[in-house]
Amino acid sequence: MGDERCRRRQAAIFIVAVLLLNAPVLAIADRASLPAGVPITPFVLFTGWLAVIVAGAVNTRRPRA
């Protein structure tokens, strides 16, 4: 049962990652910029990437006995 839940969570993490790091979302982030004119797109990319890595690591961690 736990293995099936882990697979479903991994699939959900993958789908969220694809949606988050997809071109339309990045196009929205590309329009926004900080007051100094610095684009926010790299921040969105690296934050999303880090969130996906952390979510995958938390999901694959073994439960305590």
N, C-alpha and C. Protein backbone atom coordinates (compact mmCIF):
# COMPACT_ATOMS: atom_id res chain seq x y z
N MET A 1 0.82 -1.19 0.00
CA MET A 1 0.00 0.00 0.00
C MET A 1 0.86 1.26 0.00
N GLY A 2 1.90 1.26 0.78
CA GLY A 2 2.76 2.43 0.85
C GLY A 2 3.51 2.67 -0.45
N ASP A 3 3.85 1.58 -1.14
CA ASP A 3 4.56 1.70 -2.41
C ASP A 3 3.68 2.35 -3.47
N GLU A 4 2.40 2.00 -3.46
CA GLU A 4 1.46 2.60 -4.42
C GLU A 4 1.28 4.09 -4.15
N ARG A 5 1.22 4.47 -2.90
CA ARG A 5 1.08 5.89 -2.55
C ARG A 5 2.33 6.67 -2.97
N CYS A 6 3.48 6.06 -2.80
CA CYS A 6 4.73 6.70 -3.20
C CYS A 6 4.76 6.92 -4.71
N ARG A 7 4.31 5.95 -5.48
CA ARG A 7 4.27 6.08 -6.94
C ARG A 7 3.31 7.17 -7.37
N ARG A 8 2.16 7.24 -6.72
CA ARG A 8 1.19 8.28 -7.06
C ARG A 8 1.72 9.67 -6.73
N ARG A 9 2.39 9.79 -5.60
CA ARG A 9 2.98 11.08 -5.25
C ARG A 9 4.07 11.47 -6.23
N GLN A 10 4.89 10.50 -6.64
CA GLN A 10 5.94 10.78 -7.62
C GLN A 10 5.33 11.24 -8.94
N ALA A 11 4.24 10.62 -9.35
CA ALA A 11 3.56 11.03 -10.59
C ALA A 11 3.01 12.44 -10.44
N ALA A 12 2.45 12.75 -9.28
CA ALA A 12 1.92 14.10 -9.04
C ALA A 12 3.04 15.13 -9.04
N ILE A 13 4.17 14.79 -8.45
CA ILE A 13 5.32 15.70 -8.44
C ILE A 13 5.79 15.95 -9.87
N PHE A 14 5.83 14.91 -10.68
CA PHE A 14 6.25 15.05 -12.07
C PHE A 14 5.30 15.96 -12.84
N ILE A 15 4.00 15.76 -12.67
CA ILE A 15 3.01 16.58 -13.38
C ILE A 15 3.12 18.04 -12.96
N VAL A 16 3.26 18.29 -11.66
CA VAL A 16 3.41 19.67 -11.18
C VAL A 16 4.71 20.29 -11.73
N ALA A 17 5.77 19.50 -11.79
CA ALA A 17 7.03 20.02 -12.32
C ALA A 17 6.91 20.39 -13.79
N VAL A 18 6.23 19.54 -14.56
CA VAL A 18 6.05 19.84 -15.98
C VAL A 18 5.22 21.10 -16.16
N LEU A 19 4.16 21.24 -15.37
CA LEU A 19 3.33 22.43 -15.48
C LEU A 19 4.04 23.69 -15.00
N LEU A 20 4.81 23.55 -13.93
CA LEU A 20 5.50 24.71 -13.36
C LEU A 20 6.63 25.21 -14.26
N LEU A 21 7.34 24.30 -14.88
CA LEU A 21 8.50 24.66 -15.68
C LEU A 21 8.18 24.65 -17.18
N ASN A 22 6.92 24.85 -17.51
CA ASN A 22 6.47 24.86 -18.89
C ASN A 22 6.55 26.29 -19.46
N ALA A 23 6.56 26.39 -20.77
CA ALA A 23 6.74 27.69 -21.43
C ALA A 23 5.67 28.73 -21.09
N PRO A 24 4.37 28.40 -21.03
CA PRO A 24 3.40 29.45 -20.70
C PRO A 24 3.60 30.05 -19.31
N VAL A 25 3.94 29.23 -18.34
CA VAL A 25 4.19 29.76 -16.99
C VAL A 25 5.43 30.62 -16.99
N LEU A 26 6.46 30.19 -17.70
CA LEU A 26 7.68 30.99 -17.77
C LEU A 26 7.46 32.29 -18.54
N ALA A 27 6.55 32.28 -19.50
CA ALA A 27 6.22 33.51 -20.23
C ALA A 27 5.55 34.52 -19.31
N ILE A 28 4.70 34.04 -18.42
CA ILE A 28 4.08 34.93 -17.43
C ILE A 28 5.15 35.49 -16.51
N ALA A 29 6.07 34.64 -16.06
CA ALA A 29 7.13 35.10 -15.18
C ALA A 29 8.10 36.04 -15.91
N ASP A 30 8.22 35.86 -17.21
CA ASP A 30 9.14 36.69 -17.98
C ASP A 30 8.65 38.13 -18.09
N ARG A 31 7.35 38.32 -18.04
CA ARG A 31 6.78 39.67 -18.11
C ARG A 31 7.05 40.47 -16.83
N ALA A 32 7.08 39.77 -15.71
CA ALA A 32 7.30 40.44 -14.43
C ALA A 32 8.79 40.71 -14.23
N SER A 33 9.08 41.80 -13.56
CA SER A 33 10.47 42.10 -13.24
C SER A 33 10.52 42.87 -11.92
N LEU A 34 11.67 42.87 -11.32
CA LEU A 34 11.87 43.60 -10.08
C LEU A 34 11.98 45.09 -10.39
N PRO A 35 11.86 45.95 -9.39
CA PRO A 35 11.90 47.39 -9.64
C PRO A 35 13.16 47.88 -10.36
N ALA A 36 14.26 47.21 -10.17
CA ALA A 36 15.50 47.64 -10.81
C ALA A 36 15.60 47.14 -12.25
N GLY A 37 14.58 46.47 -12.74
CA GLY A 37 14.59 45.95 -14.10
C GLY A 37 15.19 44.56 -14.21
N VAL A 38 15.45 43.93 -13.07
CA VAL A 38 16.02 42.58 -13.07
C VAL A 38 14.89 41.59 -13.34
N PRO A 39 15.05 40.71 -14.33
CA PRO A 39 13.97 39.75 -14.62
C PRO A 39 13.82 38.73 -13.49
N ILE A 40 12.60 38.28 -13.30
CA ILE A 40 12.29 37.34 -12.22
C ILE A 40 12.33 35.89 -12.70
N THR A 41 12.49 35.67 -14.00
CA THR A 41 12.45 34.32 -14.57
C THR A 41 13.49 33.37 -13.96
N PRO A 42 14.76 33.76 -13.79
CA PRO A 42 15.71 32.82 -13.16
C PRO A 42 15.30 32.42 -11.74
N PHE A 43 14.75 33.36 -11.00
CA PHE A 43 14.28 33.05 -9.65
C PHE A 43 13.17 32.01 -9.69
N VAL A 44 12.23 32.18 -10.60
CA VAL A 44 11.12 31.23 -10.74
C VAL A 44 11.65 29.85 -11.15
N LEU A 45 12.57 29.81 -12.09
CA LEU A 45 13.13 28.53 -12.54
C LEU A 45 13.85 27.79 -11.42
N PHE A 46 14.76 28.47 -10.74
CA PHE A 46 15.55 27.80 -9.71
C PHE A 46 14.72 27.46 -8.47
N THR A 47 13.75 28.29 -8.13
CA THR A 47 12.88 27.99 -7.00
C THR A 47 11.99 26.79 -7.31
N GLY A 48 11.43 26.74 -8.51
CA GLY A 48 10.61 25.59 -8.90
C GLY A 48 11.42 24.32 -8.97
N TRP A 49 12.62 24.42 -9.50
CA TRP A 49 13.51 23.27 -9.60
C TRP A 49 13.85 22.74 -8.20
N LEU A 50 14.18 23.65 -7.29
CA LEU A 50 14.50 23.26 -5.92
C LEU A 50 13.29 22.63 -5.24
N ALA A 51 12.10 23.18 -5.46
CA ALA A 51 10.89 22.63 -4.85
C ALA A 51 10.62 21.21 -5.34
N VAL A 52 10.85 20.96 -6.61
CA VAL A 52 10.64 19.62 -7.16
C VAL A 52 11.65 18.64 -6.57
N ILE A 53 12.88 19.04 -6.43
CA ILE A 53 13.92 18.18 -5.85
C ILE A 53 13.60 17.86 -4.39
N VAL A 54 13.22 18.87 -3.63
CA VAL A 54 12.89 18.66 -2.21
C VAL A 54 11.66 17.76 -2.08
N ALA A 55 10.64 17.99 -2.89
CA ALA A 55 9.44 17.16 -2.82
C ALA A 55 9.76 15.71 -3.17
N GLY A 56 10.60 15.49 -4.16
CA GLY A 56 11.00 14.12 -4.51
C GLY A 56 11.81 13.46 -3.41
N ALA A 57 12.68 14.23 -2.78
CA ALA A 57 13.49 13.68 -1.69
C ALA A 57 12.63 13.33 -0.48
N VAL A 58 11.68 14.19 -0.16
CA VAL A 58 10.79 13.92 0.98
C VAL A 58 9.91 12.72 0.68
N ASN A 59 9.49 12.57 -0.54
CA ASN A 59 8.62 11.46 -0.92
C ASN A 59 9.35 10.12 -0.88
N THR A 60 10.61 10.10 -1.22
CA THR A 60 11.34 8.83 -1.27
C THR A 60 11.99 8.47 0.06
N ARG A 61 11.91 9.35 1.03
CA ARG A 61 12.47 9.05 2.35
C ARG A 61 11.70 7.90 2.98
N ARG A 62 12.42 7.00 3.64
CA ARG A 62 11.78 5.86 4.27
C ARG A 62 11.09 6.30 5.57
N PRO A 63 9.91 5.77 5.82
CA PRO A 63 9.23 6.12 7.07
C PRO A 63 9.91 5.50 8.28
N ARG A 64 9.77 6.15 9.40
CA ARG A 64 10.36 5.61 10.63
C ARG A 64 9.53 4.43 11.11
N ALA A 65 10.23 3.46 11.66
CA ALA A 65 9.54 2.22 12.12
C ALA A 65 8.86 2.42 13.45
